[in-house]
Protein backbone atom coordinates (compact mmCIF):
# COMPACT_ATOMS: atom_id res chain seq x y z
CA UNK A 1 0.00 0.00 0.00
CA UNK A 2 2.92 2.42 0.50
CA UNK A 3 3.42 3.11 -3.26
CA UNK A 4 -0.23 4.22 -3.44
CA UNK A 5 0.46 7.09 -1.07
CA UNK A 6 2.85 8.62 -3.59
CA UNK A 7 -0.11 9.27 -5.91
CA UNK A 8 -1.31 12.08 -3.66
CA UNK A 9 -0.79 15.38 -5.36
CA UNK A 10 -2.60 18.66 -5.23
CA UNK A 11 -5.82 17.82 -7.05
CA UNK A 12 -9.22 18.94 -5.80
CA UNK A 13 -11.51 15.98 -5.44
CA UNK A 14 -14.91 16.56 -3.83
CA UNK A 15 -15.52 13.10 -2.35
CA UNK A 16 -12.39 12.53 -0.29
CA UNK A 17 -12.64 11.18 3.25
CA UNK A 18 -13.16 13.98 5.75
CA UNK A 19 -10.55 14.60 8.44
CA UNK A 20 -11.57 15.64 11.93
CA UNK A 21 -9.29 17.90 13.93
CA UNK A 22 -9.38 15.47 16.89
CA UNK A 23 -7.63 12.83 14.72
CA UNK A 24 -4.78 15.21 13.86
CA UNK A 25 -1.61 16.08 15.72
CA UNK A 26 0.01 19.29 14.51
CA UNK A 27 3.53 20.59 15.14
CA UNK A 28 5.41 23.63 13.89
CA UNK A 29 9.11 23.05 13.26
CA UNK A 30 11.94 24.79 11.48
CA UNK A 31 11.97 24.07 7.79
CA UNK A 32 14.93 22.83 5.81
CA UNK A 33 16.44 23.67 2.47
CA UNK A 34 17.51 27.01 1.00
CA UNK A 35 16.57 30.26 2.68
CA UNK A 36 19.40 30.83 5.15
CA UNK A 37 18.57 32.86 8.22
CA UNK A 38 14.89 33.24 7.30
CA UNK A 39 14.49 29.45 7.34
CA UNK A 40 16.73 28.81 10.32
CA UNK A 41 14.93 31.17 12.71
CA UNK A 42 11.24 30.63 11.95
CA UNK A 43 9.03 27.67 12.82
CA UNK A 44 6.79 27.87 9.77
CA UNK A 45 7.10 24.26 8.62
CA UNK A 46 3.97 22.26 9.51
CA UNK A 47 4.15 18.59 10.48
CA UNK A 48 0.72 17.00 10.49
CA UNK A 49 0.02 13.46 11.69
CA UNK A 50 -3.19 11.50 11.20
CA UNK A 51 -3.26 9.47 14.41
CA UNK A 52 -5.53 6.54 13.35
CA UNK A 53 -3.51 5.73 10.19
CA UNK A 54 -0.11 7.00 11.33
CA UNK A 55 0.39 9.02 8.11
CA UNK A 56 2.66 12.04 8.53
CA UNK A 57 2.87 15.03 6.17
CA UNK A 58 5.49 17.76 6.35
CA UNK A 59 4.73 21.00 4.50
CA UNK A 60 7.12 23.93 4.05
CA UNK A 61 6.02 25.23 0.65
CA UNK A 62 5.47 28.85 1.66
CA UNK A 63 6.66 31.31 4.31
CA UNK A 64 3.17 31.55 5.77
CA UNK A 65 2.27 29.15 8.59
CA UNK A 66 -1.44 29.45 7.74
CA UNK A 67 -0.91 28.56 4.08
CA UNK A 68 1.34 25.65 5.05
CA UNK A 69 -1.33 24.40 7.48
CA UNK A 70 -3.95 24.50 4.71
CA UNK A 71 -1.71 22.77 2.15
CA UNK A 72 -0.65 20.11 4.69
CA UNK A 73 -4.31 19.31 5.43
CA UNK A 74 -5.13 18.98 1.72
CA UNK A 75 -2.20 16.63 1.10
CA UNK A 76 -2.94 14.61 4.25
CA UNK A 77 -6.60 14.29 3.26
CA UNK A 78 -5.59 12.83 -0.12
CA UNK A 79 -3.09 10.44 1.46
CA UNK A 80 -5.61 9.25 4.04
CA UNK A 81 -8.20 8.77 1.27
CA UNK A 82 -5.68 6.66 -0.68
CA UNK A 83 -4.75 4.72 2.45
CA UNK A 84 -8.33 3.66 3.18
CA UNK A 85 -9.84 3.42 -0.31
CA UNK A 86 -6.78 2.20 -2.21
CA UNK A 87 -7.36 1.88 -5.94
CA UNK A 88 -11.02 2.94 -5.54
CA UNK A 89 -9.86 6.42 -4.52
CA UNK A 90 -10.46 9.32 -6.92
CA UNK A 91 -6.90 10.50 -6.28
CA UNK A 92 -5.56 7.15 -7.52
CA UNK A 93 -7.84 7.21 -10.57
CA UNK A 94 -6.74 10.76 -11.46
CA UNK A 95 -3.08 9.81 -11.14
CA UNK A 96 -3.61 6.70 -13.29
CA UNK A 97 -5.43 8.71 -15.99
CA UNK A 98 -2.65 11.30 -15.95
CA UNK A 99 0.00 8.59 -16.39
CA UNK A 100 -1.92 7.04 -19.29
CA UNK A 101 -2.18 10.45 -20.96
CA UNK A 102 1.56 10.98 -20.51
CA UNK A 103 2.39 7.56 -21.99
CA UNK A 104 0.12 8.25 -24.98
CA UNK A 105 1.84 11.59 -25.56
CA UNK A 106 5.27 9.90 -25.45
CA UNK A 107 4.11 7.22 -27.88
CA UNK A 108 2.81 9.82 -30.34
CA UNK A 109 6.02 11.84 -30.11
CA UNK A 110 8.05 8.70 -30.81
CA UNK A 111 5.87 7.87 -33.84
CA UNK A 112 6.30 11.40 -35.19
CA UNK A 113 10.06 11.16 -34.77
CA UNK A 114 10.11 7.86 -36.68
CA UNK A 115 7.94 9.38 -39.41
CA UNK A 116 10.30 12.37 -39.77
CA UNK A 117 13.33 10.07 -39.82
CA UNK A 118 11.73 7.93 -42.54
CA UNK A 119 10.82 11.05 -44.54
CA UNK A 120 14.43 12.31 -44.40
CA UNK A 121 15.72 8.92 -45.54
CA UNK A 122 13.30 9.01 -48.48
CA UNK A 123 14.52 12.50 -49.40
CA UNK A 124 18.12 11.31 -49.33
CA UNK A 125 17.24 8.44 -51.68
CA UNK A 126 15.43 10.81 -54.09
CA UNK A 127 18.52 13.02 -54.33
CA UNK A 128 20.68 10.12 -55.42
């Protein structure tokens, strides 16, 4: 089930499982990564844990604690939905559809490249 959790992105899906605040444990910690002093002195990174499932999300996408709290909840909600519903989850279905679209695009690009290559070869033969 762990690979399923990686499908959680930032999609808005209306019928995700609802999270109640009593099931969540929230901490504010110092973020990591670039930012120097601004990052080292402020506790604006949000660590959110869903107690029943044990899923933990760490969010430090913005400087704002409130925005990070909101984003962390959205991501956690998707991960919890995936954890309980598995492949029946809308998040999983969206990710799968996106992957299929990407593969189709790659296939078409490859076909076009082959077509162009074949066309150039035919032009070379016509010149001779």
